[in-house]
Amino acid sequence: MYRIASLATAAALILAVAISVGPWISASSQSQPALEKVISDAILQLEPVTDSGIAVAVIKGGRLHYSGGFGFRDRCASNKVDANTFFGIGSATKAFTSMAISLLAEQNPALRLDVPVKQYLPEFAMKDSEATEKMTLERILSHRTGLPRHDALWYLGPFTRSQLLIGFDTWRLTRTPSETSLSITT
């Protein structure tokens, strides 16, 4: 329940910053310190804990208008957030990745979600050769690969893409890749 409340607070904070900053961007004569004040005020209104760490980027028309950090990334060491601070955003990346791949597939008929990954990455291999042949983007994006959980992988890194791809051939499946196909009805 705490995690849902935290995510809701984060979403509200992002929305508040976006609403507060919108008019500022329209009035391009405003100064950088004025924008920082608008963002800081929006954060202060909704932050769940004083000096919560947040990085903000304001982009309009494909151009970066502002980037900066607020609060602490490490309270004990008093390290502040800046524009280059990395945040662990956990499972939110799954939705971004699925949407991006789905949009690419929609725009490019040559990219299909229902064909084996090996068709796109010939070097792709899993410990189980049958699983290698059955692994599709659809199964990967819908968590029907048979791979075990690997939540701590992010914390053990950083790994290059090549290191992660090569590692698949050592992972034992906890179940066979699902044959169930997704069907969406409207």
Protein backbone atom coordinates (compact mmCIF):
# COMPACT_ATOMS: atom_id res chain seq x y z
CA MET A 1 0.00 0.00 0.00
CA TYR A 2 2.88 2.39 0.82
CA ARG A 3 4.36 1.82 -2.64
CA ILE A 4 1.05 2.71 -4.33
CA ALA A 5 0.77 5.84 -2.19
CA SER A 6 4.36 6.79 -3.06
CA LEU A 7 3.73 6.31 -6.76
CA ALA A 8 0.53 8.36 -6.54
CA THR A 9 2.41 11.13 -4.72
CA ALA A 10 5.20 11.05 -7.32
CA ALA A 11 2.67 11.24 -10.15
CA ALA A 12 0.90 14.16 -8.46
CA LEU A 13 4.24 15.90 -7.94
CA ILE A 14 5.19 15.51 -11.60
CA LEU A 15 1.78 16.78 -12.68
CA ALA A 16 2.01 19.77 -10.34
CA VAL A 17 5.46 20.67 -11.68
CA ALA A 18 4.23 20.32 -15.27
CA ILE A 19 1.19 22.52 -14.61
CA SER A 20 3.27 25.10 -12.76
CA VAL A 21 6.02 25.24 -15.37
CA GLY A 22 3.75 25.34 -18.43
CA PRO A 23 2.91 29.05 -18.24
CA TRP A 24 6.55 29.88 -17.50
CA ILE A 25 7.74 28.27 -20.71
CA SER A 26 5.12 30.22 -22.69
CA ALA A 27 6.52 33.48 -21.34
CA SER A 28 10.06 33.07 -22.67
CA SER A 29 11.24 36.37 -21.15
CA GLN A 30 11.31 34.75 -17.68
CA SER A 31 14.70 34.10 -16.08
CA GLN A 32 16.22 30.76 -15.11
CA PRO A 33 16.00 31.58 -11.36
CA ALA A 34 12.29 32.35 -11.78
CA LEU A 35 11.72 28.94 -13.34
CA GLU A 36 13.64 27.25 -10.53
CA LYS A 37 11.42 29.04 -8.01
CA VAL A 38 8.23 27.87 -9.78
CA ILE A 39 9.51 24.27 -9.80
CA SER A 40 10.74 24.46 -6.21
CA ASP A 41 7.38 25.83 -5.02
CA ALA A 42 5.51 23.02 -6.81
CA ILE A 43 7.76 20.41 -5.21
CA LEU A 44 7.33 21.93 -1.74
CA GLN A 45 3.54 21.72 -2.06
CA LEU A 46 3.46 17.99 -2.70
CA GLU A 47 6.69 16.34 -1.57
CA PRO A 48 5.99 13.46 0.84
CA VAL A 49 9.19 14.06 2.84
CA THR A 50 11.14 17.31 3.17
CA ASP A 51 13.99 17.54 0.68
CA SER A 52 12.85 14.48 -1.28
CA GLY A 53 15.24 13.96 -4.17
CA ILE A 54 13.87 14.88 -7.58
CA ALA A 55 15.46 15.78 -10.91
CA VAL A 56 13.52 17.91 -13.37
CA ALA A 57 13.94 18.51 -17.09
CA VAL A 58 11.74 20.93 -19.00
CA ILE A 59 11.56 20.25 -22.73
CA LYS A 60 9.49 22.17 -25.23
CA GLY A 61 9.61 21.81 -28.98
CA GLY A 62 12.36 19.23 -28.68
CA ARG A 63 14.64 21.75 -26.93
CA LEU A 64 15.89 21.53 -23.35
CA HIS A 65 14.81 24.67 -21.50
CA TYR A 66 15.92 23.62 -18.03
CA SER A 67 17.46 20.74 -16.11
CA GLY A 68 18.27 20.63 -12.44
CA GLY A 69 17.94 18.79 -9.17
CA PHE A 70 16.21 19.40 -5.88
CA GLY A 71 16.59 17.72 -2.49
CA PHE A 72 18.97 14.95 -1.52
CA ARG A 73 20.01 11.76 -3.31
CA ASP A 74 21.76 10.64 -0.10
CA ARG A 75 20.57 12.27 3.12
CA CYS A 76 23.29 10.74 5.33
CA ALA A 77 26.09 12.11 3.17
CA SER A 78 24.12 15.31 2.34
CA ASN A 79 24.63 14.63 -1.39
CA LYS A 80 22.23 16.71 -3.43
CA VAL A 81 20.38 15.69 -6.57
CA ASP A 82 21.58 17.31 -9.78
CA ALA A 83 20.62 17.04 -13.45
CA ASN A 84 22.89 13.98 -13.83
CA THR A 85 21.57 11.95 -10.88
CA PHE A 86 20.37 8.44 -11.78
CA PHE A 87 17.22 7.16 -10.09
CA GLY A 88 16.09 3.55 -9.79
CA ILE A 89 12.62 3.73 -11.32
CA GLY A 90 12.01 0.02 -11.06
CA SER A 91 9.16 -1.50 -12.99
CA ALA A 92 8.13 1.77 -14.64
CA THR A 93 10.67 1.01 -17.36
CA LYS A 94 8.59 -2.00 -18.44
CA ALA A 95 5.70 0.21 -19.52
CA PHE A 96 8.00 2.63 -21.37
CA THR A 97 9.79 -0.19 -23.15
CA SER A 98 6.57 -1.99 -24.12
CA MET A 99 5.04 1.21 -25.45
CA ALA A 100 8.16 2.15 -27.43
CA ILE A 101 8.45 -1.28 -29.03
CA SER A 102 4.71 -1.38 -29.79
CA LEU A 103 4.92 2.05 -31.46
CA LEU A 104 7.92 0.91 -33.51
CA ALA A 105 6.08 -2.24 -34.58
CA GLU A 106 3.04 -0.17 -35.56
CA GLN A 107 5.19 2.13 -37.71
CA ASN A 108 7.37 -0.60 -39.19
CA PRO A 109 5.59 -3.72 -40.48
CA ALA A 110 8.94 -5.54 -40.67
CA LEU A 111 9.09 -5.53 -36.87
CA ARG A 112 6.71 -8.15 -35.53
CA LEU A 113 6.09 -9.06 -31.93
CA ASP A 114 5.13 -12.66 -32.69
CA VAL A 115 8.31 -13.90 -34.38
CA PRO A 116 11.29 -15.43 -32.55
CA VAL A 117 13.73 -12.88 -31.11
CA LYS A 118 16.50 -14.87 -32.81
CA GLN A 119 15.23 -13.46 -36.13
CA TYR A 120 16.33 -9.99 -34.97
CA LEU A 121 19.28 -11.02 -32.77
CA PRO A 122 20.91 -14.13 -34.26
CA GLU A 123 23.29 -14.37 -31.27
CA PHE A 124 20.37 -14.60 -28.81
CA ALA A 125 20.47 -17.88 -26.91
CA MET A 126 18.97 -19.30 -23.76
CA LYS A 127 20.04 -22.36 -21.82
CA ASP A 128 17.06 -24.26 -23.25
CA SER A 129 17.29 -24.36 -27.07
CA GLU A 130 13.52 -24.87 -27.41
CA ALA A 131 12.93 -21.74 -25.33
CA THR A 132 15.37 -19.85 -27.57
CA GLU A 133 13.30 -20.76 -30.63
CA LYS A 134 9.99 -19.88 -28.92
CA MET A 135 11.08 -16.57 -27.37
CA THR A 136 9.23 -13.64 -28.98
CA LEU A 137 9.01 -9.95 -28.17
CA GLU A 138 5.37 -10.53 -27.24
CA ARG A 139 6.37 -13.12 -24.63
CA ILE A 140 9.16 -10.93 -23.28
CA LEU A 141 6.96 -7.84 -23.00
CA SER A 142 4.14 -9.75 -21.32
CA HIS A 143 6.39 -11.65 -18.87
CA ARG A 144 5.64 -15.06 -20.34
CA THR A 145 9.24 -16.13 -20.96
CA GLY A 146 9.69 -18.67 -18.20
CA LEU A 147 12.66 -16.72 -16.84
CA PRO A 148 12.97 -16.47 -13.07
CA ARG A 149 12.72 -13.13 -11.32
CA HIS A 150 15.93 -11.14 -11.46
CA ASP A 151 14.98 -8.00 -9.53
CA ALA A 152 18.43 -7.49 -8.00
CA LEU A 153 20.21 -7.45 -11.37
CA TRP A 154 19.98 -3.67 -11.59
CA TYR A 155 21.73 -3.27 -8.23
CA LEU A 156 24.52 -5.67 -9.16
CA GLY A 157 25.39 -3.77 -12.34
CA PRO A 158 26.11 -1.79 -14.29
CA PHE A 159 26.15 -4.30 -17.11
CA THR A 160 26.54 -3.59 -20.79
CA ARG A 161 23.81 -4.73 -23.17
CA SER A 162 26.17 -7.41 -24.46
CA GLN A 163 26.81 -8.75 -20.96
CA LEU A 164 23.07 -8.99 -20.27
CA LEU A 165 22.34 -10.66 -23.61
CA ILE A 166 25.11 -13.22 -23.14
CA GLY A 167 23.86 -14.02 -19.62
CA PHE A 168 20.52 -15.40 -20.87
CA ASP A 169 22.13 -18.67 -21.93
CA THR A 170 23.02 -19.43 -18.31
CA TRP A 171 19.61 -18.83 -16.75
CA ARG A 172 17.47 -21.86 -16.01
CA LEU A 173 13.78 -21.45 -16.82
CA THR A 174 11.31 -21.80 -13.98
CA ARG A 175 8.57 -22.73 -16.47
CA THR A 176 8.26 -23.14 -20.20
CA PRO A 177 7.50 -20.06 -22.29
CA SER A 178 3.74 -19.65 -22.39
CA GLU A 179 2.00 -20.65 -25.58
CA THR A 180 -0.91 -18.41 -24.69
CA SER A 181 -1.26 -15.59 -27.17
CA LEU A 182 -2.49 -12.21 -26.13
CA SER A 183 -5.81 -11.26 -27.62
CA ILE A 184 -7.28 -7.83 -27.27
CA THR A 185 -10.92 -7.34 -28.05
CA THR A 186 -12.70 -4.05 -28.37
